[in-house]
Amino acid sequence: MSSTLSSYRRSTHEHFEPEQNLDPHAQRKLRGQLEQIDYTAFASNQAVIAQTLGRIDAAKFQRLAVAAAHARASWVAEAMAMAEAAHALKPDQISRLSALRSAYEELREVYEAMRRMVERGYFPFESPSASSAKQP
């Protein structure tokens, strides 16, 4: 079993490990089958994600990062404004903070998910240097 620390959450991936008492030929065959399964998942992700998201470039990442920054700033600014009032927070204020935090966390997770998709090669990422190299 492997685990990956992503942002603030730990994501665990369980992969089958062949039993040690299998003969080497059976282990190779099983590993080949598992690699085929992993490739099928990769190809499926690549096809669906590229079709759904289209071309992804640095500008799209920047827009998402700016949206997350605005959400974080709104959440913190709201909390600071509430703290200035010098009284216990009311349930509706706590709900408002929770909604603002949730918006920020969702945007942060989307950013991390997109980054992982680039790492895994699920869609072609066009960097600014690649774009400028194409222009005459």
C-alpha atoms as a PDB file:
ATOM      1  CA  MET A   1       0.000   0.000   0.000  1.00  0.00           C
ATOM      2  CA  SER A   2       1.353   3.426  -0.902  1.00  0.00           C
ATOM      3  CA  SER A   3       0.254   6.833   0.281  1.00  0.00           C
ATOM      4  CA  THR A   4       0.683  10.299  -1.129  1.00  0.00           C
ATOM      5  CA  LEU A   5       0.556  13.541   0.787  1.00  0.00           C
ATOM      6  CA  SER A   6      -1.484  15.935  -1.309  1.00  0.00           C
ATOM      7  CA  SER A   7      -2.058  19.378   0.081  1.00  0.00           C
ATOM      8  CA  TYR A   8      -3.389  18.770   3.588  1.00  0.00           C
ATOM      9  CA  ARG A   9      -4.901  15.341   3.019  1.00  0.00           C
ATOM     10  CA  ARG A  10      -3.239  12.008   2.766  1.00  0.00           C
ATOM     11  CA  SER A  11      -4.476   9.954  -0.140  1.00  0.00           C
ATOM     12  CA  THR A  12      -4.000   6.197   0.136  1.00  0.00           C
ATOM     13  CA  HIS A  13      -3.773   3.891  -2.845  1.00  0.00           C
ATOM     14  CA  GLU A  14      -4.002   0.163  -2.300  1.00  0.00           C
ATOM     15  CA  HIS A  15      -2.451  -1.909  -5.013  1.00  0.00           C
ATOM     16  CA  PHE A  16      -2.389  -5.653  -5.038  1.00  0.00           C
ATOM     17  CA  GLU A  17       1.008  -7.121  -4.238  1.00  0.00           C
ATOM     18  CA  PRO A  18       1.563 -10.676  -5.407  1.00  0.00           C
ATOM     19  CA  GLU A  19       2.217 -13.290  -2.784  1.00  0.00           C
ATOM     20  CA  GLN A  20       5.846 -14.154  -2.277  1.00  0.00           C
ATOM     21  CA  ASN A  21       5.249 -17.869  -2.783  1.00  0.00           C
ATOM     22  CA  LEU A  22       4.289 -17.463  -6.465  1.00  0.00           C
ATOM     23  CA  ASP A  23       6.856 -18.745  -8.896  1.00  0.00           C
ATOM     24  CA  PRO A  24       8.775 -16.033 -10.841  1.00  0.00           C
ATOM     25  CA  HIS A  25       6.911 -16.761 -14.088  1.00  0.00           C
ATOM     26  CA  ALA A  26       3.509 -16.354 -12.404  1.00  0.00           C
ATOM     27  CA  GLN A  27       4.689 -13.136 -10.720  1.00  0.00           C
ATOM     28  CA  ARG A  28       5.838 -11.676 -14.078  1.00  0.00           C
ATOM     29  CA  LYS A  29       2.530 -12.636 -15.673  1.00  0.00           C
ATOM     30  CA  LEU A  30       0.555 -11.079 -12.828  1.00  0.00           C
ATOM     31  CA  ARG A  31       2.650  -7.893 -12.897  1.00  0.00           C
ATOM     32  CA  GLY A  32       2.076  -7.659 -16.659  1.00  0.00           C
ATOM     33  CA  GLN A  33      -1.669  -7.947 -16.121  1.00  0.00           C
ATOM     34  CA  LEU A  34      -1.565  -5.280 -13.408  1.00  0.00           C
ATOM     35  CA  GLU A  35       0.468  -2.968 -15.668  1.00  0.00           C
ATOM     36  CA  GLN A  36      -2.174  -3.431 -18.370  1.00  0.00           C
ATOM     37  CA  ILE A  37      -4.891  -2.491 -15.882  1.00  0.00           C
ATOM     38  CA  ASP A  38      -2.921   0.611 -14.838  1.00  0.00           C
ATOM     39  CA  TYR A  39      -2.394   1.565 -18.484  1.00  0.00           C
ATOM     40  CA  THR A  40      -6.115   1.149 -19.185  1.00  0.00           C
ATOM     41  CA  ALA A  41      -6.908   3.520 -16.305  1.00  0.00           C
ATOM     42  CA  PHE A  42      -4.300   5.990 -17.605  1.00  0.00           C
ATOM     43  CA  ALA A  43      -5.653   5.885 -21.173  1.00  0.00           C
ATOM     44  CA  SER A  44      -9.228   6.298 -19.919  1.00  0.00           C
ATOM     45  CA  ASN A  45      -8.281   9.285 -17.778  1.00  0.00           C
ATOM     46  CA  GLN A  46      -6.310  10.812 -20.625  1.00  0.00           C
ATOM     47  CA  ALA A  47      -9.192  10.486 -23.108  1.00  0.00           C
ATOM     48  CA  VAL A  48     -11.966  11.685 -20.808  1.00  0.00           C
ATOM     49  CA  ILE A  49     -10.041  14.521 -19.145  1.00  0.00           C
ATOM     50  CA  ALA A  50      -8.622  15.908 -22.392  1.00  0.00           C
ATOM     51  CA  GLN A  51     -12.065  15.786 -24.011  1.00  0.00           C
ATOM     52  CA  THR A  52     -13.749  17.449 -21.017  1.00  0.00           C
ATOM     53  CA  LEU A  53     -11.149  20.129 -20.235  1.00  0.00           C
ATOM     54  CA  GLY A  54      -9.738  20.797 -23.677  1.00  0.00           C
ATOM     55  CA  ARG A  55      -6.427  22.613 -23.980  1.00  0.00           C
ATOM     56  CA  ILE A  56      -4.898  23.647 -20.649  1.00  0.00           C
ATOM     57  CA  ASP A  57      -2.275  26.352 -20.503  1.00  0.00           C
ATOM     58  CA  ALA A  58      -0.578  28.540 -17.909  1.00  0.00           C
ATOM     59  CA  ALA A  59      -3.304  31.200 -18.229  1.00  0.00           C
ATOM     60  CA  LYS A  60      -5.976  28.724 -17.080  1.00  0.00           C
ATOM     61  CA  PHE A  61      -3.826  27.729 -14.112  1.00  0.00           C
ATOM     62  CA  GLN A  62      -3.327  31.389 -13.290  1.00  0.00           C
ATOM     63  CA  ARG A  63      -7.078  32.117 -13.398  1.00  0.00           C
ATOM     64  CA  LEU A  64      -7.701  29.202 -11.049  1.00  0.00           C
ATOM     65  CA  ALA A  65      -4.891  30.327  -8.726  1.00  0.00           C
ATOM     66  CA  VAL A  66      -6.309  33.879  -8.655  1.00  0.00           C
ATOM     67  CA  ALA A  67      -9.790  32.532  -7.867  1.00  0.00           C
ATOM     68  CA  ALA A  68      -8.332  30.495  -4.982  1.00  0.00           C
ATOM     69  CA  ALA A  69      -6.378  33.528  -3.732  1.00  0.00           C
ATOM     70  CA  HIS A  70      -9.541  35.651  -3.757  1.00  0.00           C
ATOM     71  CA  ALA A  71     -11.441  32.930  -1.885  1.00  0.00           C
ATOM     72  CA  ARG A  72      -8.680  32.669   0.732  1.00  0.00           C
ATOM     73  CA  ALA A  73      -8.487  36.431   1.136  1.00  0.00           C
ATOM     74  CA  SER A  74     -12.289  36.712   1.508  1.00  0.00           C
ATOM     75  CA  TRP A  75     -12.314  33.991   4.148  1.00  0.00           C
ATOM     76  CA  VAL A  76      -9.513  35.575   6.191  1.00  0.00           C
ATOM     77  CA  ALA A  77     -10.835  39.132   5.776  1.00  0.00           C
ATOM     78  CA  GLU A  78     -14.269  38.038   6.969  1.00  0.00           C
ATOM     79  CA  ALA A  79     -12.773  36.309  10.014  1.00  0.00           C
ATOM     80  CA  MET A  80     -10.700  39.366  10.858  1.00  0.00           C
ATOM     81  CA  ALA A  81     -13.736  41.643  10.547  1.00  0.00           C
ATOM     82  CA  MET A  82     -15.731  39.355  12.830  1.00  0.00           C
ATOM     83  CA  ALA A  83     -12.891  39.317  15.360  1.00  0.00           C
ATOM     84  CA  GLU A  84     -12.934  43.131  15.518  1.00  0.00           C
ATOM     85  CA  ALA A  85     -16.452  43.035  16.966  1.00  0.00           C
ATOM     86  CA  ALA A  86     -15.134  41.667  20.297  1.00  0.00           C
ATOM     87  CA  HIS A  87     -18.081  39.369  20.928  1.00  0.00           C
ATOM     88  CA  ALA A  88     -18.741  35.668  20.563  1.00  0.00           C
ATOM     89  CA  LEU A  89     -19.466  34.636  17.026  1.00  0.00           C
ATOM     90  CA  LYS A  90     -23.072  33.869  16.197  1.00  0.00           C
ATOM     91  CA  PRO A  91     -24.072  30.658  14.442  1.00  0.00           C
ATOM     92  CA  ASP A  92     -24.807  32.503  11.190  1.00  0.00           C
ATOM     93  CA  GLN A  93     -21.319  34.076  11.276  1.00  0.00           C
ATOM     94  CA  ILE A  94     -19.716  30.690  11.820  1.00  0.00           C
ATOM     95  CA  SER A  95     -21.749  29.305   8.915  1.00  0.00           C
ATOM     96  CA  ARG A  96     -20.558  32.185   6.720  1.00  0.00           C
ATOM     97  CA  LEU A  97     -16.918  31.489   7.655  1.00  0.00           C
ATOM     98  CA  SER A  98     -17.406  27.798   7.013  1.00  0.00           C
ATOM     99  CA  ALA A  99     -18.834  28.490   3.545  1.00  0.00           C
ATOM    100  CA  LEU A 100     -15.947  30.832   2.698  1.00  0.00           C
ATOM    101  CA  ARG A 101     -13.371  28.310   3.915  1.00  0.00           C
ATOM    102  CA  SER A 102     -15.078  25.533   1.977  1.00  0.00           C
ATOM    103  CA  ALA A 103     -14.970  27.612  -1.221  1.00  0.00           C
ATOM    104  CA  TYR A 104     -11.252  28.237  -0.745  1.00  0.00           C
ATOM    105  CA  GLU A 105     -10.512  24.570   0.025  1.00  0.00           C
ATOM    106  CA  GLU A 106     -12.466  23.361  -3.010  1.00  0.00           C
ATOM    107  CA  LEU A 107     -10.573  25.704  -5.325  1.00  0.00           C
ATOM    108  CA  ARG A 108      -7.269  24.648  -3.755  1.00  0.00           C
ATOM    109  CA  GLU A 109      -8.134  20.976  -4.300  1.00  0.00           C
ATOM    110  CA  VAL A 110      -9.087  21.632  -7.933  1.00  0.00           C
ATOM    111  CA  TYR A 111      -5.722  23.329  -8.457  1.00  0.00           C
ATOM    112  CA  GLU A 112      -3.931  20.319  -6.936  1.00  0.00           C
ATOM    113  CA  ALA A 113      -6.005  17.923  -9.048  1.00  0.00           C
ATOM    114  CA  MET A 114      -5.123  19.808 -12.231  1.00  0.00           C
ATOM    115  CA  ARG A 115      -1.455  19.794 -11.259  1.00  0.00           C
ATOM    116  CA  ARG A 116      -1.577  16.017 -10.726  1.00  0.00           C
ATOM    117  CA  MET A 117      -3.253  15.620 -14.124  1.00  0.00           C
ATOM    118  CA  VAL A 118      -0.328  17.444 -15.744  1.00  0.00           C
ATOM    119  CA  GLU A 119       2.181  15.286 -13.810  1.00  0.00           C
ATOM    120  CA  ARG A 120       0.453  12.133 -14.999  1.00  0.00           C
ATOM    121  CA  GLY A 121       0.169  13.300 -18.614  1.00  0.00           C
ATOM    122  CA  TYR A 122      -3.626  13.155 -18.765  1.00  0.00           C
ATOM    123  CA  PHE A 123      -3.774  16.190 -21.034  1.00  0.00           C
ATOM    124  CA  PRO A 124      -1.283  18.209 -23.004  1.00  0.00           C
ATOM    125  CA  PHE A 125      -0.113  21.262 -21.088  1.00  0.00           C
ATOM    126  CA  GLU A 126       1.071  24.183 -23.127  1.00  0.00           C
ATOM    127  CA  SER A 127       3.657  26.275 -21.306  1.00  0.00           C
ATOM    128  CA  PRO A 128       4.134  29.949 -22.212  1.00  0.00           C
ATOM    129  CA  SER A 129       7.545  29.193 -23.731  1.00  0.00           C
ATOM    130  CA  ALA A 130       6.008  26.544 -26.018  1.00  0.00           C
ATOM    131  CA  SER A 131       3.355  29.037 -27.183  1.00  0.00           C
ATOM    132  CA  SER A 132       5.875  31.741 -28.028  1.00  0.00           C
ATOM    133  CA  ALA A 133       8.108  29.258 -29.850  1.00  0.00           C
ATOM    134  CA  LYS A 134       5.230  28.412 -32.227  1.00  0.00           C
ATOM    135  CA  GLN A 135       4.661  32.037 -33.240  1.00  0.00           C
ATOM    136  CA  PRO A 136       6.616  33.225 -36.288  1.00  0.00           C
END
